[in-house]
């Protein structure tokens, strides 16, 4: 097998550290995603789905089912967000990565546990209504990527 040798060329370092002004400008153009805003929108959409279920079915049990479905996403996500924004995960990169995986496992485990507990906790459970609440609130993560003005806080300067 023949190896192709790289061409001889003068490669100069293209890395240039940013100045403080350039870094501040970059932060303005690329703000961080606010986890708490995503949770707020999930709560609003969970309530909206419950309202739509009430209008369509008129059954209180279906409304409770859709609210419970939304809560199976919101409560674990709030716990995840709280864990990620704690001081421990800000210590160093290793702690942040470990914290992310730990809290993600807690979030998944709590979601599964809440879904298993649904038939016992919600009387006359409506599975379609619960799944509607669950799916709509879960899809907020994808919507957050597209609507920058809602989810990405930009402070006025």
Protein backbone atom coordinates (compact mmCIF):
# COMPACT_ATOMS: atom_id res chain seq x y z
CA UNK A 1 0.00 0.00 0.00
CA UNK A 2 1.47 3.33 -0.98
CA UNK A 3 1.32 6.33 1.25
CA UNK A 4 0.57 9.71 -0.13
CA UNK A 5 2.98 12.22 1.32
CA UNK A 6 1.64 15.62 2.30
CA UNK A 7 2.74 18.48 0.13
CA UNK A 8 5.49 20.63 1.45
CA UNK A 9 4.01 23.95 2.38
CA UNK A 10 4.59 26.60 4.92
CA UNK A 11 1.85 26.21 7.46
CA UNK A 12 1.70 29.06 9.87
CA UNK A 13 -0.30 29.05 13.03
CA UNK A 14 -3.77 30.36 12.29
CA UNK A 15 -4.84 30.37 15.93
CA UNK A 16 -5.06 33.83 17.37
CA UNK A 17 -6.46 34.39 20.85
CA UNK A 18 -9.44 36.71 21.08
CA UNK A 19 -9.18 40.03 22.81
CA UNK A 20 -11.61 40.84 25.62
CA UNK A 21 -13.73 42.95 23.26
CA UNK A 22 -13.84 40.22 20.62
CA UNK A 23 -14.84 37.62 23.24
CA UNK A 24 -17.62 39.90 24.53
CA UNK A 25 -18.89 40.41 20.97
CA UNK A 26 -18.85 36.65 20.36
CA UNK A 27 -20.88 36.07 23.56
CA UNK A 28 -23.44 38.63 22.36
CA UNK A 29 -23.81 36.91 19.00
CA UNK A 30 -23.91 33.36 20.42
CA UNK A 31 -25.74 33.46 23.77
CA UNK A 32 -26.18 30.32 25.86
CA UNK A 33 -29.45 28.42 25.83
CA UNK A 34 -31.49 29.11 28.97
CA UNK A 35 -32.57 25.78 30.49
CA UNK A 36 -35.07 27.56 32.70
CA UNK A 37 -36.79 29.22 29.74
CA UNK A 38 -37.15 25.83 28.09
CA UNK A 39 -38.77 24.52 31.27
CA UNK A 40 -41.09 27.52 31.38
CA UNK A 41 -42.24 26.90 27.82
CA UNK A 42 -42.73 23.21 28.65
CA UNK A 43 -45.01 24.18 31.53
CA UNK A 44 -47.00 26.54 29.30
CA UNK A 45 -47.39 23.96 26.54
CA UNK A 46 -48.38 21.28 29.07
CA UNK A 47 -51.15 23.57 30.30
CA UNK A 48 -52.15 24.37 26.71
CA UNK A 49 -52.43 20.66 25.86
CA UNK A 50 -54.54 20.11 28.99
CA UNK A 51 -56.82 22.94 27.88
CA UNK A 52 -57.15 21.47 24.40
CA UNK A 53 -57.90 18.04 25.86
CA UNK A 54 -60.59 19.65 28.03
CA UNK A 55 -62.14 21.34 24.99
CA UNK A 56 -62.02 18.18 22.86
CA UNK A 57 -63.11 15.57 25.39
CA UNK A 58 -64.74 17.41 28.28
CA UNK A 59 -63.44 14.69 30.61
CA UNK A 60 -61.61 15.70 33.76
CA UNK A 61 -59.77 12.35 33.82
CA UNK A 62 -58.34 13.07 30.36
CA UNK A 63 -57.18 16.51 31.52
CA UNK A 64 -55.43 14.97 34.54
CA UNK A 65 -53.88 12.38 32.25
CA UNK A 66 -52.47 15.01 29.90
CA UNK A 67 -51.17 17.05 32.83
CA UNK A 68 -49.51 13.96 34.26
CA UNK A 69 -47.93 13.25 30.87
CA UNK A 70 -46.52 16.77 30.81
CA UNK A 71 -45.25 16.38 34.37
CA UNK A 72 -43.38 13.20 33.44
CA UNK A 73 -41.22 15.43 31.26
CA UNK A 74 -41.18 18.64 33.32
CA UNK A 75 -40.29 17.28 36.78
CA UNK A 76 -37.29 15.19 35.64
CA UNK A 77 -36.12 18.04 33.39
CA UNK A 78 -36.31 20.50 36.29
CA UNK A 79 -34.28 18.12 38.45
CA UNK A 80 -31.76 17.73 35.62
CA UNK A 81 -31.49 21.50 35.17
CA UNK A 82 -31.03 22.03 38.89
CA UNK A 83 -28.30 19.41 38.99
CA UNK A 84 -26.46 20.92 36.02
CA UNK A 85 -26.56 24.44 37.42
CA UNK A 86 -25.23 23.44 40.84
CA UNK A 87 -21.84 24.56 42.10
CA UNK A 88 -20.41 21.04 42.01
CA UNK A 89 -20.72 20.74 38.24
CA UNK A 90 -18.97 24.08 37.81
CA UNK A 91 -15.78 22.96 39.57
CA UNK A 92 -13.98 21.56 36.55
CA UNK A 93 -14.62 19.90 33.21
CA UNK A 94 -14.49 16.37 34.63
CA UNK A 95 -17.09 17.15 37.27
CA UNK A 96 -19.29 18.79 34.64
CA UNK A 97 -19.18 15.76 32.35
CA UNK A 98 -19.79 13.35 35.22
CA UNK A 99 -22.62 15.56 36.49
CA UNK A 100 -24.23 15.66 33.07
CA UNK A 101 -24.28 11.87 32.75
CA UNK A 102 -25.38 11.39 36.35
CA UNK A 103 -28.28 13.83 36.10
CA UNK A 104 -29.29 12.49 32.68
CA UNK A 105 -29.55 8.98 34.17
CA UNK A 106 -31.58 10.38 37.09
CA UNK A 107 -33.86 12.14 34.59
CA UNK A 108 -34.41 9.00 32.52
CA UNK A 109 -34.96 6.83 35.60
CA UNK A 110 -37.47 9.24 37.11
CA UNK A 111 -39.33 9.53 33.81
CA UNK A 112 -39.63 5.75 33.48
CA UNK A 113 -40.70 5.43 37.13
CA UNK A 114 -43.38 8.09 36.66
CA UNK A 115 -44.69 6.35 33.55
CA UNK A 116 -44.90 3.02 35.40
CA UNK A 117 -46.69 4.72 38.30
CA UNK A 118 -49.22 6.50 36.06
CA UNK A 119 -51.99 3.87 36.21
CA UNK A 120 -51.84 3.85 40.00
CA UNK A 121 -51.65 7.62 40.46
CA UNK A 122 -54.17 8.83 37.88
CA UNK A 123 -57.63 7.36 38.22
CA UNK A 124 -59.31 6.47 34.92
CA UNK A 125 -56.06 7.13 33.04
CA UNK A 126 -56.42 8.12 29.39
CA UNK A 127 -53.30 6.87 27.66
CA UNK A 128 -53.76 8.96 24.48
CA UNK A 129 -54.18 12.15 26.52
CA UNK A 130 -51.17 11.30 28.68
CA UNK A 131 -49.04 10.59 25.63
CA UNK A 132 -50.17 13.85 24.02
CA UNK A 133 -49.01 15.82 27.06
CA UNK A 134 -45.77 13.87 27.19
CA UNK A 135 -44.89 14.20 23.49
CA UNK A 136 -45.76 17.89 23.17
CA UNK A 137 -43.70 18.91 26.19
CA UNK A 138 -40.83 16.68 25.10
CA UNK A 139 -40.71 18.29 21.64
CA UNK A 140 -39.97 21.69 23.19
CA UNK A 141 -36.28 20.72 23.14
CA UNK A 142 -36.35 20.65 19.33
CA UNK A 143 -38.34 23.86 19.11
CA UNK A 144 -35.77 25.57 21.35
CA UNK A 145 -33.14 25.08 18.68
CA UNK A 146 -35.17 27.03 16.12
CA UNK A 147 -36.65 29.96 18.03
CA UNK A 148 -33.63 31.90 19.22
CA UNK A 149 -35.48 35.01 20.39
CA UNK A 150 -37.65 33.07 22.83
CA UNK A 151 -35.14 30.67 24.32
CA UNK A 152 -31.82 32.52 24.11
CA UNK A 153 -31.69 35.46 26.50
CA UNK A 154 -30.05 38.52 25.01
CA UNK A 155 -29.41 41.36 27.40
CA UNK A 156 -29.99 44.84 25.94
CA UNK A 157 -26.83 46.91 25.60
